[in-house]
């Protein structure tokens, strides 16, 4: 399963990369720090899963999802936040986000979901 990571923090991207590489069947095909980098790369790599932070400097993960709405239909979207508040959940649902994780407490759940998705991907091949 091909995964693309987007977070404006180099430290967080590195940690997400390490966590993702621990999940059998997950191949991280790229990372980006902002909306412009991510949008261009998503059209190029066409990942199965997009793991994306809500806050991306001056823009947001929601901005990215709006920009790439046509290619988004081809992928599962996992959104990370520092607090999964109702307003984020509602906006995520409107934009077709599949999963919303709190990056401070849901990382084990995130890894579990990635593992399940990768296993399902291998079965489908």
PDB file of N, CA and C in Angstrom:
ATOM      1  N   UNK A   1       0.837  -1.164   0.000  1.00  0.00           N
ATOM      2  CA  UNK A   1       0.000   0.000   0.000  1.00  0.00           C
ATOM      3  C   UNK A   1       0.889   1.237   0.000  1.00  0.00           C
ATOM      4  N   UNK A   2       0.598   2.151  -0.886  1.00  0.00           N
ATOM      5  CA  UNK A   2       1.412   3.353  -1.063  1.00  0.00           C
ATOM      6  C   UNK A   2       0.852   4.500  -0.221  1.00  0.00           C
ATOM      7  N   UNK A   3       1.729   5.104   0.601  1.00  0.00           N
ATOM      8  CA  UNK A   3       1.333   6.140   1.550  1.00  0.00           C
ATOM      9  C   UNK A   3       2.107   7.418   1.268  1.00  0.00           C
ATOM     10  N   UNK A   4       1.424   8.556   1.370  1.00  0.00           N
ATOM     11  CA  UNK A   4       2.062   9.858   1.238  1.00  0.00           C
ATOM     12  C   UNK A   4       1.795  10.644   2.511  1.00  0.00           C
ATOM     13  N   UNK A   5       2.844  11.273   3.081  1.00  0.00           N
ATOM     14  CA  UNK A   5       2.764  12.002   4.349  1.00  0.00           C
ATOM     15  C   UNK A   5       2.876  13.508   4.126  1.00  0.00           C
ATOM     16  N   UNK A   6       2.012  14.282   4.801  1.00  0.00           N
ATOM     17  CA  UNK A   6       2.069  15.738   4.717  1.00  0.00           C
ATOM     18  C   UNK A   6       1.976  16.327   6.125  1.00  0.00           C
ATOM     19  N   UNK A   7       3.027  17.009   6.536  1.00  0.00           N
ATOM     20  CA  UNK A   7       3.042  17.731   7.807  1.00  0.00           C
ATOM     21  C   UNK A   7       4.086  18.826   7.685  1.00  0.00           C
ATOM     22  N   UNK A   8       3.793  20.004   8.214  1.00  0.00           N
ATOM     23  CA  UNK A   8       4.749  21.107   8.086  1.00  0.00           C
ATOM     24  C   UNK A   8       5.926  20.994   9.044  1.00  0.00           C
ATOM     25  N   UNK A   9       5.850  20.099  10.017  1.00  0.00           N
ATOM     26  CA  UNK A   9       6.949  19.908  10.956  1.00  0.00           C
ATOM     27  C   UNK A   9       7.868  18.779  10.489  1.00  0.00           C
ATOM     28  N   UNK A  10       9.136  19.115  10.297  1.00  0.00           N
ATOM     29  CA  UNK A  10      10.111  18.100   9.892  1.00  0.00           C
ATOM     30  C   UNK A  10      10.181  16.972  10.922  1.00  0.00           C
ATOM     31  N   UNK A  11      10.132  17.322  12.189  1.00  0.00           N
ATOM     32  CA  UNK A  11      10.206  16.327  13.267  1.00  0.00           C
ATOM     33  C   UNK A  11       9.016  15.374  13.204  1.00  0.00           C
ATOM     34  N   UNK A  12       7.834  15.909  13.001  1.00  0.00           N
ATOM     35  CA  UNK A  12       6.632  15.070  12.926  1.00  0.00           C
ATOM     36  C   UNK A  12       6.667  14.202  11.673  1.00  0.00           C
ATOM     37  N   UNK A  13       7.068  14.780  10.525  1.00  0.00           N
ATOM     38  CA  UNK A  13       7.175  13.972   9.296  1.00  0.00           C
ATOM     39  C   UNK A  13       8.128  12.806   9.504  1.00  0.00           C
ATOM     40  N   UNK A  14       9.272  13.090  10.133  1.00  0.00           N
ATOM     41  CA  UNK A  14      10.256  12.034  10.375  1.00  0.00           C
ATOM     42  C   UNK A  14       9.663  10.944  11.265  1.00  0.00           C
ATOM     43  N   UNK A  15       8.959  11.343  12.314  1.00  0.00           N
ATOM     44  CA  UNK A  15       8.347  10.367  13.226  1.00  0.00           C
ATOM     45  C   UNK A  15       7.262   9.562  12.525  1.00  0.00           C
ATOM     46  N   UNK A  16       6.436  10.207  11.721  1.00  0.00           N
ATOM     47  CA  UNK A  16       5.404   9.491  10.970  1.00  0.00           C
ATOM     48  C   UNK A  16       6.020   8.523   9.965  1.00  0.00           C
ATOM     49  N   UNK A  17       7.110   8.926   9.357  1.00  0.00           N
ATOM     50  CA  UNK A  17       7.829   8.050   8.440  1.00  0.00           C
ATOM     51  C   UNK A  17       8.336   6.812   9.174  1.00  0.00           C
ATOM     52  N   UNK A  18       8.939   7.016  10.338  1.00  0.00           N
ATOM     53  CA  UNK A  18       9.427   5.887  11.135  1.00  0.00           C
ATOM     54  C   UNK A  18       8.285   4.956  11.533  1.00  0.00           C
ATOM     55  N   UNK A  19       7.184   5.522  11.996  1.00  0.00           N
ATOM     56  CA  UNK A  19       6.034   4.714  12.402  1.00  0.00           C
ATOM     57  C   UNK A  19       5.447   3.949  11.220  1.00  0.00           C
ATOM     58  N   UNK A  20       5.334   4.607  10.088  1.00  0.00           N
ATOM     59  CA  UNK A  20       4.771   3.971   8.895  1.00  0.00           C
ATOM     60  C   UNK A  20       5.663   2.850   8.386  1.00  0.00           C
ATOM     61  N   UNK A  21       6.960   3.052   8.451  1.00  0.00           N
ATOM     62  CA  UNK A  21       7.897   2.022   7.990  1.00  0.00           C
ATOM     63  C   UNK A  21       7.882   0.781   8.868  1.00  0.00           C
ATOM     64  N   UNK A  22       7.314   0.878  10.065  1.00  0.00           N
ATOM     65  CA  UNK A  22       7.190  -0.272  10.953  1.00  0.00           C
ATOM     66  C   UNK A  22       5.984  -1.145  10.605  1.00  0.00           C
ATOM     67  N   UNK A  23       5.124  -0.659   9.726  1.00  0.00           N
ATOM     68  CA  UNK A  23       3.907  -1.387   9.371  1.00  0.00           C
ATOM     69  C   UNK A  23       4.171  -2.204   8.111  1.00  0.00           C
ATOM     70  N   UNK A  24       4.094  -3.540   8.221  1.00  0.00           N
ATOM     71  CA  UNK A  24       4.324  -4.383   7.034  1.00  0.00           C
ATOM     72  C   UNK A  24       3.348  -4.039   5.908  1.00  0.00           C
ATOM     73  N   UNK A  25       3.890  -3.941   4.716  1.00  0.00           N
ATOM     74  CA  UNK A  25       3.069  -3.677   3.542  1.00  0.00           C
ATOM     75  C   UNK A  25       2.860  -2.215   3.220  1.00  0.00           C
ATOM     76  N   UNK A  26       3.398  -1.323   4.044  1.00  0.00           N
ATOM     77  CA  UNK A  26       3.262   0.115   3.781  1.00  0.00           C
ATOM     78  C   UNK A  26       4.541   0.628   3.143  1.00  0.00           C
ATOM     79  N   UNK A  27       4.387   1.286   2.007  1.00  0.00           N
ATOM     80  CA  UNK A  27       5.512   1.918   1.313  1.00  0.00           C
ATOM     81  C   UNK A  27       5.250   3.423   1.285  1.00  0.00           C
ATOM     82  N   UNK A  28       6.090   4.186   1.948  1.00  0.00           N
ATOM     83  CA  UNK A  28       5.953   5.644   1.921  1.00  0.00           C
ATOM     84  C   UNK A  28       6.571   6.126   0.614  1.00  0.00           C
ATOM     85  N   UNK A  29       5.728   6.688  -0.249  1.00  0.00           N
ATOM     86  CA  UNK A  29       6.200   7.104  -1.569  1.00  0.00           C
ATOM     87  C   UNK A  29       6.649   8.559  -1.603  1.00  0.00           C
ATOM     88  N   UNK A  30       6.358   9.311  -0.534  1.00  0.00           N
ATOM     89  CA  UNK A  30       6.811  10.686  -0.507  1.00  0.00           C
ATOM     90  C   UNK A  30       6.285  11.430   0.689  1.00  0.00           C
ATOM     91  N   UNK A  31       6.874  12.611   0.895  1.00  0.00           N
ATOM     92  CA  UNK A  31       6.453  13.495   1.976  1.00  0.00           C
ATOM     93  C   UNK A  31       6.426  14.926   1.451  1.00  0.00           C
ATOM     94  N   UNK A  32       5.665  15.751   2.142  1.00  0.00           N
ATOM     95  CA  UNK A  32       5.616  17.170   1.793  1.00  0.00           C
ATOM     96  C   UNK A  32       5.378  17.983   3.051  1.00  0.00           C
ATOM     97  N   UNK A  33       5.791  19.251   2.993  1.00  0.00           N
ATOM     98  CA  UNK A  33       5.669  20.130   4.143  1.00  0.00           C
ATOM     99  C   UNK A  33       4.565  21.175   3.986  1.00  0.00           C
ATOM    100  N   UNK A  34       4.054  21.332   2.763  1.00  0.00           N
ATOM    101  CA  UNK A  34       3.046  22.369   2.556  1.00  0.00           C
ATOM    102  C   UNK A  34       2.079  21.977   1.440  1.00  0.00           C
ATOM    103  N   UNK A  35       1.069  22.788   1.259  1.00  0.00           N
ATOM    104  CA  UNK A  35       0.011  22.487   0.292  1.00  0.00           C
ATOM    105  C   UNK A  35       0.552  22.408  -1.134  1.00  0.00           C
ATOM    106  N   UNK A  36       1.382  23.349  -1.538  1.00  0.00           N
ATOM    107  CA  UNK A  36       1.899  23.365  -2.914  1.00  0.00           C
ATOM    108  C   UNK A  36       2.721  22.116  -3.220  1.00  0.00           C
ATOM    109  N   UNK A  37       3.656  21.777  -2.324  1.00  0.00           N
ATOM    110  CA  UNK A  37       4.466  20.554  -2.521  1.00  0.00           C
ATOM    111  C   UNK A  37       3.578  19.324  -2.581  1.00  0.00           C
ATOM    112  N   UNK A  38       2.647  19.239  -1.659  1.00  0.00           N
ATOM    113  CA  UNK A  38       1.792  18.058  -1.574  1.00  0.00           C
ATOM    114  C   UNK A  38       0.901  17.912  -2.804  1.00  0.00           C
ATOM    115  N   UNK A  39       0.312  18.994  -3.253  1.00  0.00           N
ATOM    116  CA  UNK A  39      -0.589  18.921  -4.405  1.00  0.00           C
ATOM    117  C   UNK A  39       0.141  18.388  -5.637  1.00  0.00           C
ATOM    118  N   UNK A  40       1.309  18.934  -5.912  1.00  0.00           N
ATOM    119  CA  UNK A  40       2.079  18.474  -7.073  1.00  0.00           C
ATOM    120  C   UNK A  40       2.450  16.998  -6.935  1.00  0.00           C
ATOM    121  N   UNK A  41       2.885  16.609  -5.751  1.00  0.00           N
ATOM    122  CA  UNK A  41       3.326  15.227  -5.536  1.00  0.00           C
ATOM    123  C   UNK A  41       2.170  14.236  -5.592  1.00  0.00           C
ATOM    124  N   UNK A  42       1.004  14.624  -5.116  1.00  0.00           N
ATOM    125  CA  UNK A  42      -0.136  13.700  -5.126  1.00  0.00           C
ATOM    126  C   UNK A  42      -0.544  13.343  -6.550  1.00  0.00           C
ATOM    127  N   UNK A  43      -0.481  14.299  -7.451  1.00  0.00           N
ATOM    128  CA  UNK A  43      -0.790  14.007  -8.852  1.00  0.00           C
ATOM    129  C   UNK A  43       0.281  13.116  -9.474  1.00  0.00           C
ATOM    130  N   UNK A  44       1.495  13.264  -9.024  1.00  0.00           N
ATOM    131  CA  UNK A  44       2.601  12.460  -9.551  1.00  0.00           C
ATOM    132  C   UNK A  44       2.572  11.036  -9.009  1.00  0.00           C
ATOM    133  N   UNK A  45       2.458  10.886  -7.691  1.00  0.00           N
ATOM    134  CA  UNK A  45       2.587   9.574  -7.052  1.00  0.00           C
ATOM    135  C   UNK A  45       1.292   8.788  -6.952  1.00  0.00           C
ATOM    136  N   UNK A  46       0.152   9.446  -6.922  1.00  0.00           N
ATOM    137  CA  UNK A  46      -1.149   8.780  -6.811  1.00  0.00           C
ATOM    138  C   UNK A  46      -1.144   7.700  -5.725  1.00  0.00           C
ATOM    139  N   UNK A  47      -0.918   8.096  -4.462  1.00  0.00           N
ATOM    140  CA  UNK A  47      -0.854   7.106  -3.385  1.00  0.00           C
ATOM    141  C   UNK A  47      -2.223   6.495  -3.090  1.00  0.00           C
ATOM    142  N   UNK A  48      -2.203   5.371  -2.389  1.00  0.00           N
ATOM    143  CA  UNK A  48      -3.447   4.742  -1.934  1.00  0.00           C
ATOM    144  C   UNK A  48      -4.000   5.468  -0.714  1.00  0.00           C
ATOM    145  N   UNK A  49      -3.075   6.000   0.106  1.00  0.00           N
ATOM    146  CA  UNK A  49      -3.452   6.650   1.362  1.00  0.00           C
ATOM    147  C   UNK A  49      -2.690   7.962   1.503  1.00  0.00           C
ATOM    148  N   UNK A  50      -3.405   8.985   1.929  1.00  0.00           N
ATOM    149  CA  UNK A  50      -2.819  10.288   2.238  1.00  0.00           C
ATOM    150  C   UNK A  50      -2.964  10.505   3.737  1.00  0.00           C
ATOM    151  N   UNK A  51      -1.839  10.686   4.426  1.00  0.00           N
ATOM    152  CA  UNK A  51      -1.826  10.995   5.852  1.00  0.00           C
ATOM    153  C   UNK A  51      -1.415  12.457   5.983  1.00  0.00           C
ATOM    154  N   UNK A  52      -2.300  13.290   6.512  1.00  0.00           N
ATOM    155  CA  UNK A  52      -2.166  14.730   6.380  1.00  0.00           C
ATOM    156  C   UNK A  52      -2.515  15.453   7.674  1.00  0.00           C
ATOM    157  N   UNK A  53      -1.705  16.427   8.024  1.00  0.00           N
ATOM    158  CA  UNK A  53      -1.972  17.261   9.193  1.00  0.00           C
ATOM    159  C   UNK A  53      -2.948  18.360   8.804  1.00  0.00           C
ATOM    160  N   UNK A  54      -3.753  18.802   9.759  1.00  0.00           N
ATOM    161  CA  UNK A  54      -4.681  19.907   9.496  1.00  0.00           C
ATOM    162  C   UNK A  54      -3.920  21.218   9.326  1.00  0.00           C
ATOM    163  N   UNK A  55      -2.952  21.477  10.190  1.00  0.00           N
ATOM    164  CA  UNK A  55      -2.242  22.760  10.156  1.00  0.00           C
ATOM    165  C   UNK A  55      -0.967  22.641   9.329  1.00  0.00           C
ATOM    166  N   UNK A  56      -0.910  23.405   8.246  1.00  0.00           N
ATOM    167  CA  UNK A  56       0.243  23.376   7.333  1.00  0.00           C
ATOM    168  C   UNK A  56       0.762  24.796   7.120  1.00  0.00           C
ATOM    169  N   UNK A  57       1.333  25.351   8.142  1.00  0.00           N
ATOM    170  CA  UNK A  57       1.836  26.718   8.035  1.00  0.00           C
ATOM    171  C   UNK A  57       0.689  27.688   7.887  1.00  0.00           C
ATOM    172  N   UNK A  58       0.718  28.480   6.827  1.00  0.00           N
ATOM    173  CA  UNK A  58      -0.329  29.475   6.604  1.00  0.00           C
ATOM    174  C   UNK A  58      -1.586  28.879   5.981  1.00  0.00           C
ATOM    175  N   UNK A  59      -1.513  27.639   5.553  1.00  0.00           N
ATOM    176  CA  UNK A  59      -2.670  26.978   4.933  1.00  0.00           C
ATOM    177  C   UNK A  59      -3.043  25.765   5.773  1.00  0.00           C
ATOM    178  N   UNK A  60      -4.034  25.003   5.305  1.00  0.00           N
ATOM    179  CA  UNK A  60      -4.506  23.859   6.076  1.00  0.00           C
ATOM    180  C   UNK A  60      -4.603  22.610   5.211  1.00  0.00           C
ATOM    181  N   UNK A  61      -4.726  21.493   5.891  1.00  0.00           N
ATOM    182  CA  UNK A  61      -4.985  20.242   5.185  1.00  0.00           C
ATOM    183  C   UNK A  61      -6.298  20.307   4.420  1.00  0.00           C
ATOM    184  N   UNK A  62      -7.251  21.059   4.950  1.00  0.00           N
ATOM    185  CA  UNK A  62      -8.520  21.224   4.237  1.00  0.00           C
ATOM    186  C   UNK A  62      -8.308  21.949   2.913  1.00  0.00           C
ATOM    187  N   UNK A  63      -7.406  22.936   2.903  1.00  0.00           N
ATOM    188  CA  UNK A  63      -7.068  23.619   1.645  1.00  0.00           C
ATOM    189  C   UNK A  63      -6.526  22.621   0.634  1.00  0.00           C
ATOM    190  N   UNK A  64      -5.630  21.745   1.086  1.00  0.00           N
ATOM    191  CA  UNK A  64      -5.060  20.744   0.187  1.00  0.00           C
ATOM    192  C   UNK A  64      -6.146  19.840  -0.375  1.00  0.00           C
ATOM    193  N   UNK A  65      -7.055  19.382   0.468  1.00  0.00           N
ATOM    194  CA  UNK A  65      -8.105  18.477  -0.001  1.00  0.00           C
ATOM    195  C   UNK A  65      -9.002  19.150  -1.031  1.00  0.00           C
ATOM    196  N   UNK A  66      -9.212  20.438  -0.893  1.00  0.00           N
ATOM    197  CA  UNK A  66      -9.998  21.170  -1.875  1.00  0.00           C
ATOM    198  C   UNK A  66      -9.257  21.253  -3.208  1.00  0.00           C
ATOM    199  N   UNK A  67      -7.959  21.496  -3.153  1.00  0.00           N
ATOM    200  CA  UNK A  67      -7.139  21.610  -4.366  1.00  0.00           C
ATOM    201  C   UNK A  67      -7.071  20.281  -5.121  1.00  0.00           C
ATOM    202  N   UNK A  68      -7.004  19.179  -4.401  1.00  0.00           N
ATOM    203  CA  UNK A  68      -6.818  17.865  -5.053  1.00  0.00           C
ATOM    204  C   UNK A  68      -8.077  17.009  -5.005  1.00  0.00           C
ATOM    205  N   UNK A  69      -9.237  17.646  -4.963  1.00  0.00           N
ATOM    206  CA  UNK A  69     -10.483  16.893  -4.813  1.00  0.00           C
ATOM    207  C   UNK A  69     -10.693  15.867  -5.926  1.00  0.00           C
ATOM    208  N   UNK A  70     -10.230  16.150  -7.138  1.00  0.00           N
ATOM    209  CA  UNK A  70     -10.424  15.200  -8.231  1.00  0.00           C
ATOM    210  C   UNK A  70      -9.590  13.928  -8.059  1.00  0.00           C
ATOM    211  N   UNK A  71      -8.373  14.031  -7.545  1.00  0.00           N
ATOM    212  CA  UNK A  71      -7.522  12.857  -7.347  1.00  0.00           C
ATOM    213  C   UNK A  71      -7.816  12.173  -6.003  1.00  0.00           C
ATOM    214  N   UNK A  72      -8.484  12.902  -5.104  1.00  0.00           N
ATOM    215  CA  UNK A  72      -8.775  12.370  -3.784  1.00  0.00           C
ATOM    216  C   UNK A  72      -9.698  11.157  -3.827  1.00  0.00           C
ATOM    217  N   UNK A  73     -10.510  11.058  -4.838  1.00  0.00           N
ATOM    218  CA  UNK A  73     -11.431   9.916  -4.954  1.00  0.00           C
ATOM    219  C   UNK A  73     -10.695   8.598  -5.055  1.00  0.00           C
ATOM    220  N   UNK A  74      -9.445   8.648  -5.471  1.00  0.00           N
ATOM    221  CA  UNK A  74      -8.650   7.441  -5.662  1.00  0.00           C
ATOM    222  C   UNK A  74      -7.918   7.003  -4.401  1.00  0.00           C
ATOM    223  N   UNK A  75      -8.039   7.748  -3.301  1.00  0.00           N
ATOM    224  CA  UNK A  75      -7.241   7.426  -2.117  1.00  0.00           C
ATOM    225  C   UNK A  75      -8.062   7.537  -0.836  1.00  0.00           C
ATOM    226  N   UNK A  76      -7.569   6.856   0.180  1.00  0.00           N
ATOM    227  CA  UNK A  76      -8.094   7.005   1.530  1.00  0.00           C
ATOM    228  C   UNK A  76      -7.379   8.211   2.146  1.00  0.00           C
ATOM    229  N   UNK A  77      -8.097   8.997   2.923  1.00  0.00           N
ATOM    230  CA  UNK A  77      -7.501  10.182   3.540  1.00  0.00           C
ATOM    231  C   UNK A  77      -7.581  10.054   5.054  1.00  0.00           C
ATOM    232  N   UNK A  78      -6.408  10.198   5.683  1.00  0.00           N
ATOM    233  CA  UNK A  78      -6.294  10.196   7.142  1.00  0.00           C
ATOM    234  C   UNK A  78      -5.832  11.583   7.556  1.00  0.00           C
ATOM    235  N   UNK A  79      -6.588  12.216   8.420  1.00  0.00           N
ATOM    236  CA  UNK A  79      -6.288  13.568   8.847  1.00  0.00           C
ATOM    237  C   UNK A  79      -5.791  13.546  10.291  1.00  0.00           C
ATOM    238  N   UNK A  80      -4.704  14.274  10.544  1.00  0.00           N
ATOM    239  CA  UNK A  80      -4.132  14.393  11.886  1.00  0.00           C
ATOM    240  C   UNK A  80      -4.415  15.777  12.449  1.00  0.00           C
ATOM    241  N   UNK A  81      -4.695  15.814  13.746  1.00  0.00           N
ATOM    242  CA  UNK A  81      -4.926  17.083  14.411  1.00  0.00           C
ATOM    243  C   UNK A  81      -4.374  17.022  15.831  1.00  0.00           C
ATOM    244  N   UNK A  82      -4.160  18.172  16.397  1.00  0.00           N
ATOM    245  CA  UNK A  82      -3.729  18.236  17.791  1.00  0.00           C
ATOM    246  C   UNK A  82      -4.914  18.203  18.740  1.00  0.00           C
ATOM    247  N   UNK A  83      -6.090  18.228  18.205  1.00  0.00           N
ATOM    248  CA  UNK A  83      -7.319  18.145  18.991  1.00  0.00           C
ATOM    249  C   UNK A  83      -8.482  17.901  18.062  1.00  0.00           C
ATOM    250  N   UNK A  84      -9.062  16.726  18.119  1.00  0.00           N
ATOM    251  CA  UNK A  84     -10.132  16.342  17.189  1.00  0.00           C
ATOM    252  C   UNK A  84     -11.459  16.967  17.608  1.00  0.00           C
ATOM    253  N   UNK A  85     -11.591  18.262  17.420  1.00  0.00           N
ATOM    254  CA  UNK A  85     -12.801  18.980  17.808  1.00  0.00           C
ATOM    255  C   UNK A  85     -13.905  18.789  16.769  1.00  0.00           C
ATOM    256  N   UNK A  86     -15.141  19.045  17.189  1.00  0.00           N
ATOM    257  CA  UNK A  86     -16.295  18.812  16.322  1.00  0.00           C
ATOM    258  C   UNK A  86     -16.227  19.589  15.011  1.00  0.00           C
ATOM    259  N   UNK A  87     -15.726  20.825  15.049  1.00  0.00           N
ATOM    260  CA  UNK A  87     -15.672  21.603  13.803  1.00  0.00           C
ATOM    261  C   UNK A  87     -14.742  20.930  12.788  1.00  0.00           C
ATOM    262  N   UNK A  88     -13.638  20.342  13.251  1.00  0.00           N
ATOM    263  CA  UNK A  88     -12.748  19.622  12.356  1.00  0.00           C
ATOM    264  C   UNK A  88     -13.434  18.369  11.815  1.00  0.00           C
ATOM    265  N   UNK A  89     -14.141  17.658  12.677  1.00  0.00           N
ATOM    266  CA  UNK A  89     -14.837  16.438  12.252  1.00  0.00           C
ATOM    267  C   UNK A  89     -15.870  16.748  11.167  1.00  0.00           C
ATOM    268  N   UNK A  90     -16.606  17.833  11.344  1.00  0.00           N
ATOM    269  CA  UNK A  90     -17.636  18.204  10.364  1.00  0.00           C
ATOM    270  C   UNK A  90     -17.000  18.591   9.030  1.00  0.00           C
ATOM    271  N   UNK A  91     -15.962  19.408   9.074  1.00  0.00           N
ATOM    272  CA  UNK A  91     -15.281  19.813   7.838  1.00  0.00           C
ATOM    273  C   UNK A  91     -14.647  18.596   7.161  1.00  0.00           C
ATOM    274  N   UNK A  92     -14.062  17.707   7.939  1.00  0.00           N
ATOM    275  CA  UNK A  92     -13.443  16.500   7.389  1.00  0.00           C
ATOM    276  C   UNK A  92     -14.486  15.633   6.698  1.00  0.00           C
ATOM    277  N   UNK A  93     -15.632  15.473   7.319  1.00  0.00           N
ATOM    278  CA  UNK A  93     -16.700  14.660   6.729  1.00  0.00           C
ATOM    279  C   UNK A  93     -17.176  15.271   5.410  1.00  0.00           C
ATOM    280  N   UNK A  94     -17.331  16.587   5.372  1.00  0.00           N
ATOM    281  CA  UNK A  94     -17.761  17.261   4.137  1.00  0.00           C
ATOM    282  C   UNK A  94     -16.775  17.040   2.995  1.00  0.00           C
ATOM    283  N   UNK A  95     -15.485  16.951   3.326  1.00  0.00           N
ATOM    284  CA  UNK A  95     -14.449  16.826   2.300  1.00  0.00           C
ATOM    285  C   UNK A  95     -14.094  15.370   1.987  1.00  0.00           C
ATOM    286  N   UNK A  96     -14.770  14.427   2.597  1.00  0.00           N
ATOM    287  CA  UNK A  96     -14.538  13.028   2.266  1.00  0.00           C
ATOM    288  C   UNK A  96     -13.379  12.374   2.990  1.00  0.00           C
ATOM    289  N   UNK A  97     -12.979  12.924   4.131  1.00  0.00           N
ATOM    290  CA  UNK A  97     -11.898  12.334   4.918  1.00  0.00           C
ATOM    291  C   UNK A  97     -12.394  11.021   5.520  1.00  0.00           C
ATOM    292  N   UNK A  98     -11.563   9.979   5.418  1.00  0.00           N
ATOM    293  CA  UNK A  98     -11.951   8.669   5.919  1.00  0.00           C
ATOM    294  C   UNK A  98     -11.685   8.486   7.406  1.00  0.00           C
ATOM    295  N   UNK A  99     -10.605   9.088   7.908  1.00  0.00           N
ATOM    296  CA  UNK A  99     -10.211   8.920   9.302  1.00  0.00           C
ATOM    297  C   UNK A  99      -9.692  10.242   9.850  1.00  0.00           C
ATOM    298  N   UNK A 100      -9.983  10.494  11.119  1.00  0.00           N
ATOM    299  CA  UNK A 100      -9.463  11.666  11.811  1.00  0.00           C
ATOM    300  C   UNK A 100      -8.814  11.187  13.105  1.00  0.00           C
ATOM    301  N   UNK A 101      -7.518  11.483  13.264  1.00  0.00           N
ATOM    302  CA  UNK A 101      -6.758  11.028  14.420  1.00  0.00           C
ATOM    303  C   UNK A 101      -6.183  12.214  15.177  1.00  0.00           C
ATOM    304  N   UNK A 102      -6.203  12.119  16.504  1.00  0.00           N
ATOM    305  CA  UNK A 102      -5.523  13.078  17.353  1.00  0.00           C
ATOM    306  C   UNK A 102      -4.064  12.632  17.442  1.00  0.00           C
ATOM    307  N   UNK A 103      -3.133  13.475  17.008  1.00  0.00           N
ATOM    308  CA  UNK A 103      -1.731  13.057  16.932  1.00  0.00           C
ATOM    309  C   UNK A 103      -1.082  12.870  18.299  1.00  0.00           C
ATOM    310  N   UNK A 104      -1.750  13.312  19.358  1.00  0.00           N
ATOM    311  CA  UNK A 104      -1.185  13.141  20.695  1.00  0.00           C
ATOM    312  C   UNK A 104      -1.633  11.853  21.366  1.00  0.00           C
ATOM    313  N   UNK A 105      -2.781  11.326  20.984  1.00  0.00           N
ATOM    314  CA  UNK A 105      -3.259  10.132  21.670  1.00  0.00           C
ATOM    315  C   UNK A 105      -3.702   8.989  20.764  1.00  0.00           C
ATOM    316  N   UNK A 106      -3.819   9.210  19.468  1.00  0.00           N
ATOM    317  CA  UNK A 106      -4.335   8.175  18.568  1.00  0.00           C
ATOM    318  C   UNK A 106      -3.280   7.488  17.704  1.00  0.00           C
ATOM    319  N   UNK A 107      -1.996   7.700  17.967  1.00  0.00           N
ATOM    320  CA  UNK A 107      -0.954   7.112  17.118  1.00  0.00           C
ATOM    321  C   UNK A 107      -1.022   5.584  17.100  1.00  0.00           C
ATOM    322  N   UNK A 108      -1.229   4.903  18.239  1.00  0.00           N
ATOM    323  CA  UNK A 108      -1.378   3.439  18.166  1.00  0.00           C
ATOM    324  C   UNK A 108      -2.568   3.024  17.290  1.00  0.00           C
ATOM    325  N   UNK A 109      -3.665   3.761  17.380  1.00  0.00           N
ATOM    326  CA  UNK A 109      -4.825   3.474  16.540  1.00  0.00           C
ATOM    327  C   UNK A 109      -4.500   3.723  15.071  1.00  0.00           C
ATOM    328  N   UNK A 110      -3.779   4.790  14.782  1.00  0.00           N
ATOM    329  CA  UNK A 110      -3.348   5.085  13.420  1.00  0.00           C
ATOM    330  C   UNK A 110      -2.532   3.925  12.851  1.00  0.00           C
ATOM    331  N   UNK A 111      -1.574   3.434  13.616  1.00  0.00           N
ATOM    332  CA  UNK A 111      -0.764   2.304  13.157  1.00  0.00           C
ATOM    333  C   UNK A 111      -1.617   1.063  12.930  1.00  0.00           C
ATOM    334  N   UNK A 112      -2.587   0.835  13.799  1.00  0.00           N
ATOM    335  CA  UNK A 112      -3.469  -0.321  13.641  1.00  0.00           C
ATOM    336  C   UNK A 112      -4.282  -0.221  12.355  1.00  0.00           C
ATOM    337  N   UNK A 113      -4.839   0.953  12.101  1.00  0.00           N
ATOM    338  CA  UNK A 113      -5.628   1.156  10.889  1.00  0.00           C
ATOM    339  C   UNK A 113      -4.748   0.998   9.649  1.00  0.00           C
ATOM    340  N   UNK A 114      -3.545   1.569   9.666  1.00  0.00           N
ATOM    341  CA  UNK A 114      -2.619   1.388   8.535  1.00  0.00           C
ATOM    342  C   UNK A 114      -2.314  -0.089   8.314  1.00  0.00           C
ATOM    343  N   UNK A 115      -2.088  -0.815   9.381  1.00  0.00           N
ATOM    344  CA  UNK A 115      -1.799  -2.244   9.289  1.00  0.00           C
ATOM    345  C   UNK A 115      -2.967  -3.005   8.671  1.00  0.00           C
ATOM    346  N   UNK A 116      -4.182  -2.694   9.104  1.00  0.00           N
ATOM    347  CA  UNK A 116      -5.369  -3.349   8.555  1.00  0.00           C
ATOM    348  C   UNK A 116      -5.553  -3.010   7.082  1.00  0.00           C
ATOM    349  N   UNK A 117      -5.317  -1.753   6.729  1.00  0.00           N
ATOM    350  CA  UNK A 117      -5.456  -1.337   5.332  1.00  0.00           C
ATOM    351  C   UNK A 117      -4.406  -2.023   4.457  1.00  0.00           C
ATOM    352  N   UNK A 118      -3.175  -2.113   4.949  1.00  0.00           N
ATOM    353  CA  UNK A 118      -2.097  -2.765   4.186  1.00  0.00           C
ATOM    354  C   UNK A 118      -2.408  -4.243   4.006  1.00  0.00           C
ATOM    355  N   UNK A 119      -2.905  -4.901   5.036  1.00  0.00           N
ATOM    356  CA  UNK A 119      -3.255  -6.319   4.931  1.00  0.00           C
ATOM    357  C   UNK A 119      -4.381  -6.517   3.920  1.00  0.00           C
ATOM    358  N   UNK A 120      -5.374  -5.656   3.941  1.00  0.00           N
ATOM    359  CA  UNK A 120      -6.468  -5.751   2.974  1.00  0.00           C
ATOM    360  C   UNK A 120      -5.979  -5.502   1.549  1.00  0.00           C
ATOM    361  N   UNK A 121      -5.046  -4.576   1.417  1.00  0.00           N
ATOM    362  CA  UNK A 121      -4.456  -4.276   0.106  1.00  0.00           C
ATOM    363  C   UNK A 121      -3.714  -5.484  -0.462  1.00  0.00           C
ATOM    364  N   UNK A 122      -2.973  -6.172   0.406  1.00  0.00           N
ATOM    365  CA  UNK A 122      -2.231  -7.372  -0.038  1.00  0.00           C
ATOM    366  C   UNK A 122      -3.204  -8.477  -0.447  1.00  0.00           C
ATOM    367  N   UNK A 123      -4.308  -8.629   0.279  1.00  0.00           N
ATOM    368  CA  UNK A 123      -5.304  -9.657  -0.071  1.00  0.00           C
ATOM    369  C   UNK A 123      -5.959  -9.368  -1.411  1.00  0.00           C
ATOM    370  N   UNK A 124      -6.157  -8.089  -1.707  1.00  0.00           N
ATOM    371  CA  UNK A 124      -6.830  -7.701  -2.951  1.00  0.00           C
ATOM    372  C   UNK A 124      -5.954  -7.853  -4.186  1.00  0.00           C
ATOM    373  N   UNK A 125      -4.658  -7.999  -3.994  1.00  0.00           N
ATOM    374  CA  UNK A 125      -3.756  -8.062  -5.161  1.00  0.00           C
ATOM    375  C   UNK A 125      -3.697  -9.446  -5.739  1.00  0.00           C
TER     376      UNK A 125
END
